[in-house]
Amino acid sequence: MEYRIVLQRMEFHAFHGCYELERKVGNRFTVDVEITTELGDVAAEDSVEKAVNYLTVYEVVRRQMAVTQRTIERVAMNIIDAIHAGFPQVRHVKCTVSKLAPPLGGKLERVSVVLER
């Protein structure tokens, strides 16, 4: 049996972007992560040790957001790779990285990328 862990609207100030100013000043970003994993004995044994610890997932995302990248596509891929590396029981990760108020010359709430693997 599988289950999902969903972390929504994690917000970070980070320095991702293709423009030099973005990499110097930074911007606000949100990250949503949906993880599909094997339930195994987690529920039956009430086993925190066998579960995908969402505090650890948050820390994985926070560390990846601190690594400056030119594209949010790369940021999302790094998050997915790090989650898979840290949790072998994870089967699938969907990651949405959004840049809030991107500097595109007009009013825009956010631009997002969604990657899955």
C-alpha atoms as a PDB file:
ATOM      1  CA  MET A   1       0.000   0.000   0.000  1.00  0.00           C
ATOM      2  CA  GLU A   2       1.198   3.500  -0.814  1.00  0.00           C
ATOM      3  CA  TYR A   3       0.589   6.823   0.845  1.00  0.00           C
ATOM      4  CA  ARG A   4       1.367  10.453   0.082  1.00  0.00           C
ATOM      5  CA  ILE A   5       3.100  13.121   2.087  1.00  0.00           C
ATOM      6  CA  VAL A   6       2.379  16.671   0.968  1.00  0.00           C
ATOM      7  CA  LEU A   7       4.271  19.769   2.081  1.00  0.00           C
ATOM      8  CA  GLN A   8       2.603  22.911   0.744  1.00  0.00           C
ATOM      9  CA  ARG A   9       3.667  26.527   0.364  1.00  0.00           C
ATOM     10  CA  MET A  10       7.067  26.313   1.982  1.00  0.00           C
ATOM     11  CA  GLU A  11       8.391  29.837   1.536  1.00  0.00           C
ATOM     12  CA  PHE A  12      12.018  30.875   1.116  1.00  0.00           C
ATOM     13  CA  HIS A  13      14.063  33.913   0.215  1.00  0.00           C
ATOM     14  CA  ALA A  14      16.567  32.640  -2.354  1.00  0.00           C
ATOM     15  CA  PHE A  15      18.843  33.860  -5.124  1.00  0.00           C
ATOM     16  CA  HIS A  16      17.749  31.885  -8.195  1.00  0.00           C
ATOM     17  CA  GLY A  17      17.383  33.528 -11.579  1.00  0.00           C
ATOM     18  CA  CYS A  18      18.885  34.130 -14.967  1.00  0.00           C
ATOM     19  CA  TYR A  19      19.485  37.831 -14.280  1.00  0.00           C
ATOM     20  CA  GLU A  20      22.499  38.917 -12.246  1.00  0.00           C
ATOM     21  CA  LEU A  21      20.332  41.220 -10.120  1.00  0.00           C
ATOM     22  CA  GLU A  22      18.110  38.278  -9.128  1.00  0.00           C
ATOM     23  CA  ARG A  23      21.173  36.367  -7.967  1.00  0.00           C
ATOM     24  CA  LYS A  24      22.341  39.365  -5.905  1.00  0.00           C
ATOM     25  CA  VAL A  25      19.089  40.666  -4.402  1.00  0.00           C
ATOM     26  CA  GLY A  26      17.075  37.459  -4.351  1.00  0.00           C
ATOM     27  CA  ASN A  27      13.360  36.894  -4.442  1.00  0.00           C
ATOM     28  CA  ARG A  28      10.600  35.028  -2.601  1.00  0.00           C
ATOM     29  CA  PHE A  29       9.867  31.478  -3.673  1.00  0.00           C
ATOM     30  CA  THR A  30       7.388  28.836  -2.643  1.00  0.00           C
ATOM     31  CA  VAL A  31       7.874  25.099  -2.933  1.00  0.00           C
ATOM     32  CA  ASP A  32       5.247  22.356  -2.870  1.00  0.00           C
ATOM     33  CA  VAL A  33       6.323  18.730  -2.628  1.00  0.00           C
ATOM     34  CA  GLU A  34       4.154  15.632  -2.963  1.00  0.00           C
ATOM     35  CA  ILE A  35       5.856  12.345  -2.157  1.00  0.00           C
ATOM     36  CA  THR A  36       4.426   8.896  -2.840  1.00  0.00           C
ATOM     37  CA  THR A  37       5.989   6.202  -0.703  1.00  0.00           C
ATOM     38  CA  GLU A  38       5.418   2.649   0.465  1.00  0.00           C
ATOM     39  CA  LEU A  39       3.349   2.401   3.636  1.00  0.00           C
ATOM     40  CA  GLY A  40       4.936  -0.848   4.823  1.00  0.00           C
ATOM     41  CA  ASP A  41       4.763  -1.110   8.617  1.00  0.00           C
ATOM     42  CA  VAL A  42       4.586   2.633   9.248  1.00  0.00           C
ATOM     43  CA  ALA A  43       0.890   2.764  10.170  1.00  0.00           C
ATOM     44  CA  ALA A  44       0.559  -0.710  11.716  1.00  0.00           C
ATOM     45  CA  GLU A  45       3.556  -0.200  14.005  1.00  0.00           C
ATOM     46  CA  ASP A  46       3.136   3.571  14.418  1.00  0.00           C
ATOM     47  CA  SER A  47       6.792   3.691  13.370  1.00  0.00           C
ATOM     48  CA  VAL A  48       8.351   7.121  12.972  1.00  0.00           C
ATOM     49  CA  GLU A  49      11.670   5.453  12.149  1.00  0.00           C
ATOM     50  CA  LYS A  50      10.210   3.743   9.050  1.00  0.00           C
ATOM     51  CA  ALA A  51       8.247   6.781   7.860  1.00  0.00           C
ATOM     52  CA  VAL A  52       9.409   9.498   5.515  1.00  0.00           C
ATOM     53  CA  ASN A  53      10.068  12.193   8.094  1.00  0.00           C
ATOM     54  CA  TYR A  54       8.541  15.423   6.828  1.00  0.00           C
ATOM     55  CA  LEU A  55      10.839  17.544   9.018  1.00  0.00           C
ATOM     56  CA  THR A  56      13.771  15.948   7.207  1.00  0.00           C
ATOM     57  CA  VAL A  57      12.053  16.546   3.852  1.00  0.00           C
ATOM     58  CA  TYR A  58      11.662  20.224   4.770  1.00  0.00           C
ATOM     59  CA  GLU A  59      15.375  20.416   5.617  1.00  0.00           C
ATOM     60  CA  VAL A  60      16.260  18.794   2.272  1.00  0.00           C
ATOM     61  CA  VAL A  61      14.183  21.435   0.460  1.00  0.00           C
ATOM     62  CA  ARG A  62      15.665  24.263   2.557  1.00  0.00           C
ATOM     63  CA  ARG A  63      19.228  23.134   1.755  1.00  0.00           C
ATOM     64  CA  GLN A  64      18.493  22.906  -1.969  1.00  0.00           C
ATOM     65  CA  MET A  65      16.850  26.343  -1.996  1.00  0.00           C
ATOM     66  CA  ALA A  66      20.084  27.757  -0.543  1.00  0.00           C
ATOM     67  CA  VAL A  67      22.075  26.599  -3.603  1.00  0.00           C
ATOM     68  CA  THR A  68      21.791  29.362  -6.207  1.00  0.00           C
ATOM     69  CA  GLN A  69      20.702  28.176  -9.652  1.00  0.00           C
ATOM     70  CA  ARG A  70      19.921  30.018 -12.873  1.00  0.00           C
ATOM     71  CA  THR A  71      16.626  28.180 -13.463  1.00  0.00           C
ATOM     72  CA  ILE A  72      13.876  27.024 -11.157  1.00  0.00           C
ATOM     73  CA  GLU A  73      13.714  23.882 -13.272  1.00  0.00           C
ATOM     74  CA  ARG A  74      17.170  22.979 -11.936  1.00  0.00           C
ATOM     75  CA  VAL A  75      16.092  23.817  -8.396  1.00  0.00           C
ATOM     76  CA  ALA A  76      13.090  21.478  -8.673  1.00  0.00           C
ATOM     77  CA  MET A  77      15.231  18.676 -10.132  1.00  0.00           C
ATOM     78  CA  ASN A  78      17.786  19.056  -7.331  1.00  0.00           C
ATOM     79  CA  ILE A  79      15.012  18.817  -4.730  1.00  0.00           C
ATOM     80  CA  ILE A  80      13.591  15.678  -6.345  1.00  0.00           C
ATOM     81  CA  ASP A  81      17.039  14.058  -6.602  1.00  0.00           C
ATOM     82  CA  ALA A  82      17.853  14.868  -2.968  1.00  0.00           C
ATOM     83  CA  ILE A  83      14.556  13.422  -1.707  1.00  0.00           C
ATOM     84  CA  HIS A  84      15.077  10.207  -3.685  1.00  0.00           C
ATOM     85  CA  ALA A  85      18.660   9.966  -2.387  1.00  0.00           C
ATOM     86  CA  GLY A  86      17.611  10.489   1.235  1.00  0.00           C
ATOM     87  CA  PHE A  87      14.615   8.163   1.254  1.00  0.00           C
ATOM     88  CA  PRO A  88      14.980   4.902  -0.681  1.00  0.00           C
ATOM     89  CA  GLN A  89      11.342   3.979   0.058  1.00  0.00           C
ATOM     90  CA  VAL A  90      10.095   6.972  -1.990  1.00  0.00           C
ATOM     91  CA  ARG A  91       8.519   5.915  -5.285  1.00  0.00           C
ATOM     92  CA  HIS A  92       7.538   9.255  -6.807  1.00  0.00           C
ATOM     93  CA  VAL A  93       8.086  12.959  -6.130  1.00  0.00           C
ATOM     94  CA  LYS A  94       6.181  15.887  -7.595  1.00  0.00           C
ATOM     95  CA  CYS A  95       7.817  19.261  -6.946  1.00  0.00           C
ATOM     96  CA  THR A  96       6.460  22.722  -7.759  1.00  0.00           C
ATOM     97  CA  VAL A  97       8.833  25.667  -7.431  1.00  0.00           C
ATOM     98  CA  SER A  98       7.287  29.123  -7.797  1.00  0.00           C
ATOM     99  CA  LYS A  99       9.021  32.487  -8.072  1.00  0.00           C
ATOM    100  CA  LEU A 100       6.768  35.167  -6.572  1.00  0.00           C
ATOM    101  CA  ALA A 101       6.458  38.501  -8.401  1.00  0.00           C
ATOM    102  CA  PRO A 102       9.055  37.656 -11.069  1.00  0.00           C
ATOM    103  CA  PRO A 103      10.713  40.622 -12.789  1.00  0.00           C
ATOM    104  CA  LEU A 104       8.962  40.334 -16.167  1.00  0.00           C
ATOM    105  CA  GLY A 105       8.003  43.961 -16.688  1.00  0.00           C
ATOM    106  CA  GLY A 106       4.359  43.622 -15.685  1.00  0.00           C
ATOM    107  CA  LYS A 107       2.115  42.516 -12.859  1.00  0.00           C
ATOM    108  CA  LEU A 108       2.369  38.771 -12.333  1.00  0.00           C
ATOM    109  CA  GLU A 109       1.753  36.901  -9.087  1.00  0.00           C
ATOM    110  CA  ARG A 110       4.111  33.985  -9.746  1.00  0.00           C
ATOM    111  CA  VAL A 111       5.724  31.769 -12.293  1.00  0.00           C
ATOM    112  CA  SER A 112       5.986  28.054 -11.508  1.00  0.00           C
ATOM    113  CA  VAL A 113       7.539  24.879 -12.784  1.00  0.00           C
ATOM    114  CA  VAL A 114       6.266  21.416 -11.945  1.00  0.00           C
ATOM    115  CA  LEU A 115       8.564  18.410 -12.247  1.00  0.00           C
ATOM    116  CA  GLU A 116       7.823  14.795 -11.415  1.00  0.00           C
ATOM    117  CA  ARG A 117       9.931  11.698 -11.117  1.00  0.00           C
END
